[in-house]
Amino acid sequence: MEDFKDKVAFITGGASGVGLGQAKVLAGLGVKVVLADIRQDHLDQALAWFRERAAPAHGIRLDITDRAAFARAADETGRVFGAVQLLFNTAGVSAFGPLEKSTYEDYDWMMGVNFGGVVNGIQTFVPRMIAYGKGGHIVNTASLGAFNSNDPAGIYCASKFAVRGLTEALRGALARYNIGVSCLCPANVNTNIAEATLTRPAALSNTGYPLNDEILTSLRTIYSAGMDPVQLAEHVMKAIRKNQLYVIPYPEARASLQAGFDAVLAVLPPEDSDPQGVSRRQAAMARFIQEREKREKREKTSEKAP
């Protein structure tokens, strides 16, 4: 995608942090932006910024785990600005602590928002984007933690691994509709994600992780040294123009990524160690793909038939 002017973008978590950075950069390109956010105070502050600059923006208070609310938000977006061609599944939450002390609620909250929210965005908007028929682009926000996991961030990383896997599959599925897909994998960003627990539902409040003012202050100190959200968003726009799968504008990530990839490759047997087994498995997969393609052609033909 090269021309952004007058297109409509829907951004979850759009009223602060990474999402707001995306909204500001998009507005500068002439995009009509919809900011979907769970916090009304953030929406009010963000919309004031756009009003001061006479930039077209609309705010919708949205809990991205609420599928019915997501559908209503999509309908409202259509009424206000028209069809969405740019979807940014950006909203996310985090909590850190000993993995073995995690509760079911810790899993349900982080997986529900970080992965479930992306699923809900895709399920809500992809059929509409396909029906609109003018292509577009989707950016799903994962994390550098989608490649490298660790104990204190185990659930968070699991949710981001899931986003990464889904995004790779979605890219292949939507290419035929001229809809590009990118996976944003940031490291540290200067955002207020340390305050994510303020939006945690009471029904999921049971946690195995300690949280106090000292911990929050420490997290805020770490995040304050991160990349500016607008700078990160500019990298995202470059990736959209190139239809680039991954967006990881952190040179310091190279060593950890290389180590992870090397560790995987190191356990693989030599390429010539099982020629018969390789041939058998590859032939079976080729047959499966051919049969699937034939089924898809038959289904398309039957759909076109009167």
C-alpha atoms as a PDB file:
ATOM      1  CA  MET A   1       0.000   0.000   0.000  1.00  0.00           C
ATOM      2  CA  GLU A   2       1.380   3.373  -1.044  1.00  0.00           C
ATOM      3  CA  ASP A   3      -1.526   5.817  -0.860  1.00  0.00           C
ATOM      4  CA  PHE A   4      -2.981   6.328   2.622  1.00  0.00           C
ATOM      5  CA  LYS A   5      -4.970   9.510   2.046  1.00  0.00           C
ATOM      6  CA  ASP A   6      -8.682   9.338   2.943  1.00  0.00           C
ATOM      7  CA  LYS A   7      -8.492   5.688   3.975  1.00  0.00           C
ATOM      8  CA  VAL A   8     -10.096   4.624   7.243  1.00  0.00           C
ATOM      9  CA  ALA A   9      -8.072   3.045  10.053  1.00  0.00           C
ATOM     10  CA  PHE A  10      -9.432   1.249  13.111  1.00  0.00           C
ATOM     11  CA  ILE A  11      -6.907   1.098  15.972  1.00  0.00           C
ATOM     12  CA  THR A  12      -7.422  -0.824  19.204  1.00  0.00           C
ATOM     13  CA  GLY A  13      -5.631   0.725  22.147  1.00  0.00           C
ATOM     14  CA  GLY A  14      -5.662   3.826  19.967  1.00  0.00           C
ATOM     15  CA  ALA A  15      -5.939   6.422  22.722  1.00  0.00           C
ATOM     16  CA  SER A  16      -2.511   5.899  24.291  1.00  0.00           C
ATOM     17  CA  GLY A  17       0.906   4.369  23.807  1.00  0.00           C
ATOM     18  CA  VAL A  18       1.698   2.448  20.639  1.00  0.00           C
ATOM     19  CA  GLY A  19      -1.840   2.816  19.294  1.00  0.00           C
ATOM     20  CA  LEU A  20      -1.873   6.583  19.731  1.00  0.00           C
ATOM     21  CA  GLY A  21       1.493   6.833  18.014  1.00  0.00           C
ATOM     22  CA  GLN A  22       0.028   4.931  15.071  1.00  0.00           C
ATOM     23  CA  ALA A  23      -3.023   7.199  15.007  1.00  0.00           C
ATOM     24  CA  LYS A  24      -0.909  10.362  14.988  1.00  0.00           C
ATOM     25  CA  VAL A  25       1.293   9.171  12.125  1.00  0.00           C
ATOM     26  CA  LEU A  26      -1.706   7.952  10.130  1.00  0.00           C
ATOM     27  CA  ALA A  27      -3.499  11.270  10.607  1.00  0.00           C
ATOM     28  CA  GLY A  28      -0.438  13.002   9.205  1.00  0.00           C
ATOM     29  CA  LEU A  29      -0.846  10.868   6.074  1.00  0.00           C
ATOM     30  CA  GLY A  30      -4.450  11.950   5.612  1.00  0.00           C
ATOM     31  CA  VAL A  31      -6.063   8.861   7.147  1.00  0.00           C
ATOM     32  CA  LYS A  32      -9.366   9.033   9.017  1.00  0.00           C
ATOM     33  CA  VAL A  33      -8.635   7.328  12.323  1.00  0.00           C
ATOM     34  CA  VAL A  34     -10.917   5.555  14.751  1.00  0.00           C
ATOM     35  CA  LEU A  35      -9.470   5.244  18.234  1.00  0.00           C
ATOM     36  CA  ALA A  36     -10.912   2.273  20.114  1.00  0.00           C
ATOM     37  CA  ASP A  37      -9.889   2.172  23.752  1.00  0.00           C
ATOM     38  CA  ILE A  38     -11.175   0.816  27.044  1.00  0.00           C
ATOM     39  CA  ARG A  39     -10.338   4.004  28.982  1.00  0.00           C
ATOM     40  CA  GLN A  40     -12.580   7.008  28.447  1.00  0.00           C
ATOM     41  CA  ASP A  41     -10.066   9.399  30.037  1.00  0.00           C
ATOM     42  CA  HIS A  42      -7.471   8.390  27.467  1.00  0.00           C
ATOM     43  CA  LEU A  43      -9.990   8.796  24.651  1.00  0.00           C
ATOM     44  CA  ASP A  44     -10.888  12.297  25.805  1.00  0.00           C
ATOM     45  CA  GLN A  45      -7.235  13.356  25.979  1.00  0.00           C
ATOM     46  CA  ALA A  46      -6.339  11.810  22.628  1.00  0.00           C
ATOM     47  CA  LEU A  47      -9.315  13.251  20.753  1.00  0.00           C
ATOM     48  CA  ALA A  48      -8.435  16.727  22.001  1.00  0.00           C
ATOM     49  CA  TRP A  49      -5.055  16.372  20.263  1.00  0.00           C
ATOM     50  CA  PHE A  50      -6.744  15.589  16.941  1.00  0.00           C
ATOM     51  CA  ARG A  51      -9.311  18.356  17.309  1.00  0.00           C
ATOM     52  CA  GLU A  52      -6.552  20.908  17.829  1.00  0.00           C
ATOM     53  CA  ARG A  53      -5.090  19.859  14.480  1.00  0.00           C
ATOM     54  CA  ALA A  54      -8.422  19.537  12.664  1.00  0.00           C
ATOM     55  CA  ALA A  55      -7.553  15.894  11.918  1.00  0.00           C
ATOM     56  CA  PRO A  56     -10.499  13.526  11.330  1.00  0.00           C
ATOM     57  CA  ALA A  57     -10.698  11.194  14.319  1.00  0.00           C
ATOM     58  CA  HIS A  58     -13.458   9.371  16.127  1.00  0.00           C
ATOM     59  CA  GLY A  59     -13.324   7.684  19.521  1.00  0.00           C
ATOM     60  CA  ILE A  60     -15.118   4.517  20.602  1.00  0.00           C
ATOM     61  CA  ARG A  61     -14.928   3.087  24.080  1.00  0.00           C
ATOM     62  CA  LEU A  62     -14.329  -0.625  23.548  1.00  0.00           C
ATOM     63  CA  ASP A  63     -13.438  -3.687  25.554  1.00  0.00           C
ATOM     64  CA  ILE A  64     -11.768  -5.775  22.866  1.00  0.00           C
ATOM     65  CA  THR A  65     -12.739  -9.020  24.608  1.00  0.00           C
ATOM     66  CA  ASP A  66     -16.417  -8.166  24.011  1.00  0.00           C
ATOM     67  CA  ARG A  67     -17.300  -9.545  20.574  1.00  0.00           C
ATOM     68  CA  ALA A  68     -20.739  -7.967  20.368  1.00  0.00           C
ATOM     69  CA  ALA A  69     -19.252  -4.590  21.275  1.00  0.00           C
ATOM     70  CA  PHE A  70     -16.600  -5.086  18.589  1.00  0.00           C
ATOM     71  CA  ALA A  71     -19.309  -5.598  15.972  1.00  0.00           C
ATOM     72  CA  ARG A  72     -21.122  -2.476  17.142  1.00  0.00           C
ATOM     73  CA  ALA A  73     -17.852  -0.538  16.928  1.00  0.00           C
ATOM     74  CA  ALA A  74     -17.354  -1.711  13.342  1.00  0.00           C
ATOM     75  CA  ASP A  75     -20.885  -0.614  12.450  1.00  0.00           C
ATOM     76  CA  GLU A  76     -20.318   2.771  14.067  1.00  0.00           C
ATOM     77  CA  THR A  77     -17.060   3.201  12.180  1.00  0.00           C
ATOM     78  CA  GLY A  78     -18.854   2.524   8.915  1.00  0.00           C
ATOM     79  CA  ARG A  79     -21.490   5.105   9.679  1.00  0.00           C
ATOM     80  CA  VAL A  80     -18.968   7.772  10.688  1.00  0.00           C
ATOM     81  CA  PHE A  81     -16.128   7.301   8.189  1.00  0.00           C
ATOM     82  CA  GLY A  82     -16.917   4.408   5.862  1.00  0.00           C
ATOM     83  CA  ALA A  83     -15.258   1.061   5.203  1.00  0.00           C
ATOM     84  CA  VAL A  84     -12.064   0.178   7.054  1.00  0.00           C
ATOM     85  CA  GLN A  85      -9.000  -0.657   4.969  1.00  0.00           C
ATOM     86  CA  LEU A  86      -6.420  -0.356   7.719  1.00  0.00           C
ATOM     87  CA  LEU A  87      -6.804  -2.479  10.856  1.00  0.00           C
ATOM     88  CA  PHE A  88      -4.402  -2.149  13.759  1.00  0.00           C
ATOM     89  CA  ASN A  89      -4.885  -4.768  16.485  1.00  0.00           C
ATOM     90  CA  THR A  90      -2.650  -2.945  18.929  1.00  0.00           C
ATOM     91  CA  ALA A  91      -4.182  -3.074  22.408  1.00  0.00           C
ATOM     92  CA  GLY A  92      -2.436  -5.293  24.920  1.00  0.00           C
ATOM     93  CA  VAL A  93      -1.818  -5.844  28.615  1.00  0.00           C
ATOM     94  CA  SER A  94       0.945  -7.342  30.693  1.00  0.00           C
ATOM     95  CA  ALA A  95       1.627  -8.622  34.167  1.00  0.00           C
ATOM     96  CA  PHE A  96       4.817 -10.211  35.389  1.00  0.00           C
ATOM     97  CA  GLY A  97       5.574 -12.698  38.125  1.00  0.00           C
ATOM     98  CA  PRO A  98       6.630 -16.267  38.925  1.00  0.00           C
ATOM     99  CA  LEU A  99       5.041 -18.503  36.307  1.00  0.00           C
ATOM    100  CA  GLU A 100       4.454 -21.319  38.776  1.00  0.00           C
ATOM    101  CA  LYS A 101       2.346 -18.974  40.923  1.00  0.00           C
ATOM    102  CA  SER A 102       0.096 -17.903  38.042  1.00  0.00           C
ATOM    103  CA  THR A 103      -3.646 -18.230  38.462  1.00  0.00           C
ATOM    104  CA  TYR A 104      -6.239 -19.210  35.891  1.00  0.00           C
ATOM    105  CA  GLU A 105      -7.313 -15.577  35.984  1.00  0.00           C
ATOM    106  CA  ASP A 106      -3.800 -14.439  35.029  1.00  0.00           C
ATOM    107  CA  TYR A 107      -4.022 -16.678  31.975  1.00  0.00           C
ATOM    108  CA  ASP A 108      -7.575 -15.686  31.111  1.00  0.00           C
ATOM    109  CA  TRP A 109      -6.870 -11.964  31.330  1.00  0.00           C
ATOM    110  CA  MET A 110      -3.670 -11.819  29.288  1.00  0.00           C
ATOM    111  CA  MET A 111      -4.645 -14.433  26.719  1.00  0.00           C
ATOM    112  CA  GLY A 112      -8.113 -12.915  26.453  1.00  0.00           C
ATOM    113  CA  VAL A 113      -6.850  -9.421  25.700  1.00  0.00           C
ATOM    114  CA  ASN A 114      -3.566 -10.022  23.888  1.00  0.00           C
ATOM    115  CA  PHE A 115      -4.636 -12.935  21.718  1.00  0.00           C
ATOM    116  CA  GLY A 116      -8.407 -12.930  21.991  1.00  0.00           C
ATOM    117  CA  GLY A 117      -8.541  -9.225  21.200  1.00  0.00           C
ATOM    118  CA  VAL A 118      -6.594  -9.801  17.990  1.00  0.00           C
ATOM    119  CA  VAL A 119      -8.888 -12.701  17.083  1.00  0.00           C
ATOM    120  CA  ASN A 120     -11.937 -10.511  17.649  1.00  0.00           C
ATOM    121  CA  GLY A 121     -10.504  -7.746  15.492  1.00  0.00           C
ATOM    122  CA  ILE A 122      -9.795 -10.185  12.684  1.00  0.00           C
ATOM    123  CA  GLN A 123     -13.163 -11.924  12.917  1.00  0.00           C
ATOM    124  CA  THR A 124     -14.997  -8.600  12.971  1.00  0.00           C
ATOM    125  CA  PHE A 125     -13.192  -6.733  10.218  1.00  0.00           C
ATOM    126  CA  VAL A 126     -11.666  -9.228   7.771  1.00  0.00           C
ATOM    127  CA  PRO A 127     -15.023 -10.288   6.236  1.00  0.00           C
ATOM    128  CA  ARG A 128     -15.914  -6.603   5.845  1.00  0.00           C
ATOM    129  CA  MET A 129     -12.560  -5.796   4.230  1.00  0.00           C
ATOM    130  CA  ILE A 130     -12.936  -8.693   1.800  1.00  0.00           C
ATOM    131  CA  ALA A 131     -16.496  -7.653   0.935  1.00  0.00           C
ATOM    132  CA  TYR A 132     -15.354  -4.060   0.351  1.00  0.00           C
ATOM    133  CA  GLY A 133     -12.999  -5.442  -2.279  1.00  0.00           C
ATOM    134  CA  LYS A 134     -10.388  -2.686  -2.284  1.00  0.00           C
ATOM    135  CA  GLY A 135      -7.566  -4.384  -0.418  1.00  0.00           C
ATOM    136  CA  GLY A 136      -5.966  -3.004   2.685  1.00  0.00           C
ATOM    137  CA  HIS A 137      -3.520  -3.872   5.421  1.00  0.00           C
ATOM    138  CA  ILE A 138      -3.659  -5.398   8.895  1.00  0.00           C
ATOM    139  CA  VAL A 139      -1.038  -4.878  11.598  1.00  0.00           C
ATOM    140  CA  ASN A 140      -1.152  -7.199  14.599  1.00  0.00           C
ATOM    141  CA  THR A 141       0.982  -6.162  17.542  1.00  0.00           C
ATOM    142  CA  ALA A 142       2.911  -9.025  19.097  1.00  0.00           C
ATOM    143  CA  SER A 143       6.229  -8.399  20.856  1.00  0.00           C
ATOM    144  CA  LEU A 144       9.872  -9.339  20.761  1.00  0.00           C
ATOM    145  CA  GLY A 145       8.575 -11.759  23.380  1.00  0.00           C
ATOM    146  CA  ALA A 146       6.906 -13.623  20.509  1.00  0.00           C
ATOM    147  CA  PHE A 147      10.351 -15.082  19.774  1.00  0.00           C
ATOM    148  CA  ASN A 148      12.036 -15.295  23.172  1.00  0.00           C
ATOM    149  CA  SER A 149      10.174 -16.193  26.355  1.00  0.00           C
ATOM    150  CA  ASN A 150      11.133 -16.095  30.017  1.00  0.00           C
ATOM    151  CA  ASP A 151       9.701 -17.035  33.397  1.00  0.00           C
ATOM    152  CA  PRO A 152       8.334 -13.690  34.694  1.00  0.00           C
ATOM    153  CA  ALA A 153       6.649 -12.972  31.334  1.00  0.00           C
ATOM    154  CA  GLY A 154       5.569 -16.519  30.509  1.00  0.00           C
ATOM    155  CA  ILE A 155       1.856 -15.890  29.912  1.00  0.00           C
ATOM    156  CA  TYR A 156       2.476 -12.584  28.169  1.00  0.00           C
ATOM    157  CA  CYS A 157       4.976 -14.240  25.826  1.00  0.00           C
ATOM    158  CA  ALA A 158       2.631 -17.175  25.185  1.00  0.00           C
ATOM    159  CA  SER A 159      -0.074 -14.738  24.087  1.00  0.00           C
ATOM    160  CA  LYS A 160       2.364 -12.978  21.778  1.00  0.00           C
ATOM    161  CA  PHE A 161       3.657 -16.257  20.312  1.00  0.00           C
ATOM    162  CA  ALA A 162       0.021 -16.971  19.444  1.00  0.00           C
ATOM    163  CA  VAL A 163      -0.385 -13.566  17.779  1.00  0.00           C
ATOM    164  CA  ARG A 164       2.750 -14.155  15.732  1.00  0.00           C
ATOM    165  CA  GLY A 165       1.598 -17.570  14.526  1.00  0.00           C
ATOM    166  CA  LEU A 166      -1.857 -16.346  13.620  1.00  0.00           C
ATOM    167  CA  THR A 167      -0.433 -13.350  11.798  1.00  0.00           C
ATOM    168  CA  GLU A 168       1.826 -15.493   9.634  1.00  0.00           C
ATOM    169  CA  ALA A 169      -1.127 -17.689   8.658  1.00  0.00           C
ATOM    170  CA  LEU A 170      -3.384 -14.699   8.038  1.00  0.00           C
ATOM    171  CA  ARG A 171      -0.826 -13.171   5.695  1.00  0.00           C
ATOM    172  CA  GLY A 172      -1.026 -16.197   3.416  1.00  0.00           C
ATOM    173  CA  ALA A 173      -4.810 -16.382   3.627  1.00  0.00           C
ATOM    174  CA  LEU A 174      -5.436 -12.737   2.702  1.00  0.00           C
ATOM    175  CA  ALA A 175      -2.859 -12.241  -0.035  1.00  0.00           C
ATOM    176  CA  ARG A 176      -5.424 -13.251  -2.693  1.00  0.00           C
ATOM    177  CA  TYR A 177      -7.626 -10.349  -1.555  1.00  0.00           C
ATOM    178  CA  ASN A 178      -4.815  -7.797  -1.807  1.00  0.00           C
ATOM    179  CA  ILE A 179      -4.841  -7.389   1.961  1.00  0.00           C
ATOM    180  CA  GLY A 180      -1.357  -7.215   3.415  1.00  0.00           C
ATOM    181  CA  VAL A 181      -0.558  -8.398   6.932  1.00  0.00           C
ATOM    182  CA  SER A 182       2.292  -7.387   9.230  1.00  0.00           C
ATOM    183  CA  CYS A 183       3.386  -8.463  12.688  1.00  0.00           C
ATOM    184  CA  LEU A 184       4.756  -5.677  14.880  1.00  0.00           C
ATOM    185  CA  CYS A 185       7.211  -7.072  17.422  1.00  0.00           C
ATOM    186  CA  PRO A 186       8.428  -4.200  19.586  1.00  0.00           C
ATOM    187  CA  ALA A 187      10.857  -4.383  22.455  1.00  0.00           C
ATOM    188  CA  ASN A 188      10.744  -1.552  24.975  1.00  0.00           C
ATOM    189  CA  VAL A 189       8.374   1.320  24.093  1.00  0.00           C
ATOM    190  CA  ASN A 190       7.746   4.486  26.082  1.00  0.00           C
ATOM    191  CA  THR A 191       4.112   3.770  27.005  1.00  0.00           C
ATOM    192  CA  ASN A 192       1.854   3.495  30.031  1.00  0.00           C
ATOM    193  CA  ILE A 193       1.461  -0.289  29.764  1.00  0.00           C
ATOM    194  CA  ALA A 194       2.625  -0.529  33.376  1.00  0.00           C
ATOM    195  CA  GLU A 195      -0.858   0.752  34.244  1.00  0.00           C
ATOM    196  CA  ALA A 196      -2.560  -2.098  32.370  1.00  0.00           C
ATOM    197  CA  THR A 197      -3.699  -3.688  35.606  1.00  0.00           C
ATOM    198  CA  LEU A 198      -6.022  -0.714  36.143  1.00  0.00           C
ATOM    199  CA  THR A 199      -8.219  -2.098  33.354  1.00  0.00           C
ATOM    200  CA  ARG A 200      -8.243  -5.669  34.653  1.00  0.00           C
ATOM    201  CA  PRO A 201     -11.834  -6.872  35.214  1.00  0.00           C
ATOM    202  CA  ALA A 202     -12.860  -7.539  38.790  1.00  0.00           C
ATOM    203  CA  ALA A 203     -13.946 -11.042  37.794  1.00  0.00           C
ATOM    204  CA  LEU A 204     -10.328 -11.792  36.821  1.00  0.00           C
ATOM    205  CA  SER A 205      -8.652  -9.968  39.704  1.00  0.00           C
ATOM    206  CA  ASN A 206      -7.289 -13.082  41.416  1.00  0.00           C
ATOM    207  CA  THR A 207      -3.565 -13.081  40.622  1.00  0.00           C
ATOM    208  CA  GLY A 208      -0.436 -14.847  41.721  1.00  0.00           C
ATOM    209  CA  TYR A 209       1.751 -11.845  40.993  1.00  0.00           C
ATOM    210  CA  PRO A 210       2.757  -9.166  43.497  1.00  0.00           C
ATOM    211  CA  LEU A 211       1.999  -5.573  42.536  1.00  0.00           C
ATOM    212  CA  ASN A 212       2.737  -2.464  44.544  1.00  0.00           C
ATOM    213  CA  ASP A 213       3.873   1.124  44.043  1.00  0.00           C
ATOM    214  CA  GLU A 214       7.543   0.108  44.095  1.00  0.00           C
ATOM    215  CA  ILE A 215       7.047  -2.398  41.274  1.00  0.00           C
ATOM    216  CA  LEU A 216       4.961   0.059  39.252  1.00  0.00           C
ATOM    217  CA  THR A 217       7.614   2.747  39.648  1.00  0.00           C
ATOM    218  CA  SER A 218      10.292   0.309  38.495  1.00  0.00           C
ATOM    219  CA  LEU A 219       8.268  -0.659  35.415  1.00  0.00           C
ATOM    220  CA  ARG A 220       7.581   2.966  34.539  1.00  0.00           C
ATOM    221  CA  THR A 221      11.309   3.680  34.736  1.00  0.00           C
ATOM    222  CA  ILE A 222      12.062   0.853  32.302  1.00  0.00           C
ATOM    223  CA  TYR A 223       9.362   1.861  29.839  1.00  0.00           C
ATOM    224  CA  SER A 224      10.303   5.540  29.940  1.00  0.00           C
ATOM    225  CA  ALA A 225      13.604   4.644  28.253  1.00  0.00           C
ATOM    226  CA  GLY A 226      11.820   2.899  25.390  1.00  0.00           C
ATOM    227  CA  MET A 227      11.280   3.965  21.788  1.00  0.00           C
ATOM    228  CA  ASP A 228       8.854   6.820  21.235  1.00  0.00           C
ATOM    229  CA  PRO A 229       5.500   5.469  19.940  1.00  0.00           C
ATOM    230  CA  VAL A 230       5.480   7.907  17.021  1.00  0.00           C
ATOM    231  CA  GLN A 231       8.945   6.775  15.968  1.00  0.00           C
ATOM    232  CA  LEU A 232       7.787   3.160  16.186  1.00  0.00           C
ATOM    233  CA  ALA A 233       4.706   3.976  14.110  1.00  0.00           C
ATOM    234  CA  GLU A 234       6.868   5.512  11.379  1.00  0.00           C
ATOM    235  CA  HIS A 235       8.675   2.173  11.103  1.00  0.00           C
ATOM    236  CA  VAL A 236       5.285   0.475  10.817  1.00  0.00           C
ATOM    237  CA  MET A 237       4.220   2.727   7.946  1.00  0.00           C
ATOM    238  CA  LYS A 238       7.407   1.870   6.060  1.00  0.00           C
ATOM    239  CA  ALA A 239       6.634  -1.812   6.565  1.00  0.00           C
ATOM    240  CA  ILE A 240       3.082  -1.390   5.269  1.00  0.00           C
ATOM    241  CA  ARG A 241       4.382   0.305   2.128  1.00  0.00           C
ATOM    242  CA  LYS A 242       6.664  -2.690   1.531  1.00  0.00           C
ATOM    243  CA  ASN A 243       4.060  -5.244   2.651  1.00  0.00           C
ATOM    244  CA  GLN A 244       6.687  -6.482   5.118  1.00  0.00           C
ATOM    245  CA  LEU A 245       5.755  -9.357   7.413  1.00  0.00           C
ATOM    246  CA  TYR A 246       7.804  -8.460  10.481  1.00  0.00           C
ATOM    247  CA  VAL A 247       8.416  -5.040  12.001  1.00  0.00           C
ATOM    248  CA  ILE A 248      11.273  -5.207  14.526  1.00  0.00           C
ATOM    249  CA  PRO A 249      13.135  -1.867  14.491  1.00  0.00           C
ATOM    250  CA  TYR A 250      15.458  -2.771  17.397  1.00  0.00           C
ATOM    251  CA  PRO A 251      19.072  -3.494  16.428  1.00  0.00           C
ATOM    252  CA  GLU A 252      19.809  -4.765  19.936  1.00  0.00           C
ATOM    253  CA  ALA A 253      17.415  -7.670  19.308  1.00  0.00           C
ATOM    254  CA  ARG A 254      19.691  -9.279  16.724  1.00  0.00           C
ATOM    255  CA  ALA A 255      21.819 -11.273  19.170  1.00  0.00           C
ATOM    256  CA  SER A 256      18.905 -12.809  21.086  1.00  0.00           C
ATOM    257  CA  LEU A 257      17.008 -13.642  17.908  1.00  0.00           C
ATOM    258  CA  GLN A 258      20.084 -15.223  16.348  1.00  0.00           C
ATOM    259  CA  ALA A 259      20.694 -17.284  19.470  1.00  0.00           C
ATOM    260  CA  GLY A 260      17.109 -18.523  19.433  1.00  0.00           C
ATOM    261  CA  PHE A 261      17.171 -19.464  15.759  1.00  0.00           C
ATOM    262  CA  ASP A 262      20.562 -21.173  16.156  1.00  0.00           C
ATOM    263  CA  ALA A 263      19.281 -23.213  19.124  1.00  0.00           C
ATOM    264  CA  VAL A 264      16.417 -24.546  17.012  1.00  0.00           C
ATOM    265  CA  LEU A 265      18.584 -25.360  14.007  1.00  0.00           C
ATOM    266  CA  ALA A 266      21.208 -27.015  16.215  1.00  0.00           C
ATOM    267  CA  VAL A 267      18.860 -29.859  17.210  1.00  0.00           C
ATOM    268  CA  LEU A 268      17.878 -30.767  13.643  1.00  0.00           C
ATOM    269  CA  PRO A 269      19.483 -33.910  12.213  1.00  0.00           C
ATOM    270  CA  PRO A 270      21.611 -33.625   9.057  1.00  0.00           C
ATOM    271  CA  GLU A 271      19.609 -33.104   5.873  1.00  0.00           C
ATOM    272  CA  ASP A 272      20.743 -36.445   4.413  1.00  0.00           C
ATOM    273  CA  SER A 273      20.091 -38.520   7.558  1.00  0.00           C
ATOM    274  CA  ASP A 274      16.642 -39.865   6.587  1.00  0.00           C
ATOM    275  CA  PRO A 275      16.152 -39.606   2.799  1.00  0.00           C
ATOM    276  CA  GLN A 276      13.347 -42.183   2.612  1.00  0.00           C
ATOM    277  CA  GLY A 277      11.395 -40.660   5.468  1.00  0.00           C
ATOM    278  CA  VAL A 278      11.818 -37.154   4.026  1.00  0.00           C
ATOM    279  CA  SER A 279      10.615 -38.292   0.614  1.00  0.00           C
ATOM    280  CA  ARG A 280       7.582 -40.077   2.105  1.00  0.00           C
ATOM    281  CA  ARG A 281       6.547 -37.123   4.266  1.00  0.00           C
ATOM    282  CA  GLN A 282       7.032 -34.570   1.504  1.00  0.00           C
ATOM    283  CA  ALA A 283       4.983 -36.642  -0.952  1.00  0.00           C
ATOM    284  CA  ALA A 284       2.153 -36.971   1.569  1.00  0.00           C
ATOM    285  CA  MET A 285       2.123 -33.231   2.203  1.00  0.00           C
ATOM    286  CA  ALA A 286       2.154 -32.488  -1.536  1.00  0.00           C
ATOM    287  CA  ARG A 287      -0.874 -34.756  -2.037  1.00  0.00           C
ATOM    288  CA  PHE A 288      -2.687 -33.080   0.842  1.00  0.00           C
ATOM    289  CA  ILE A 289      -2.068 -29.615  -0.618  1.00  0.00           C
ATOM    290  CA  GLN A 290      -3.205 -30.712  -4.092  1.00  0.00           C
ATOM    291  CA  GLU A 291      -6.403 -32.235  -2.704  1.00  0.00           C
ATOM    292  CA  ARG A 292      -7.120 -29.135  -0.655  1.00  0.00           C
ATOM    293  CA  GLU A 293      -6.642 -26.890  -3.700  1.00  0.00           C
ATOM    294  CA  LYS A 294      -9.010 -29.086  -5.723  1.00  0.00           C
ATOM    295  CA  ARG A 295     -11.655 -28.862  -2.976  1.00  0.00           C
ATOM    296  CA  GLU A 296     -11.305 -25.098  -2.845  1.00  0.00           C
ATOM    297  CA  LYS A 297     -11.764 -24.839  -6.614  1.00  0.00           C
ATOM    298  CA  ARG A 298     -14.881 -27.009  -6.470  1.00  0.00           C
ATOM    299  CA  GLU A 299     -16.311 -24.914  -3.645  1.00  0.00           C
ATOM    300  CA  LYS A 300     -15.691 -21.671  -5.567  1.00  0.00           C
ATOM    301  CA  THR A 301     -17.309 -23.130  -8.670  1.00  0.00           C
ATOM    302  CA  SER A 302     -20.371 -24.241  -6.721  1.00  0.00           C
ATOM    303  CA  GLU A 303     -20.656 -20.795  -5.092  1.00  0.00           C
ATOM    304  CA  LYS A 304     -20.732 -19.137  -8.543  1.00  0.00           C
ATOM    305  CA  ALA A 305     -23.278 -21.557  -9.938  1.00  0.00           C
ATOM    306  CA  PRO A 306     -26.879 -20.189 -10.099  1.00  0.00           C
END
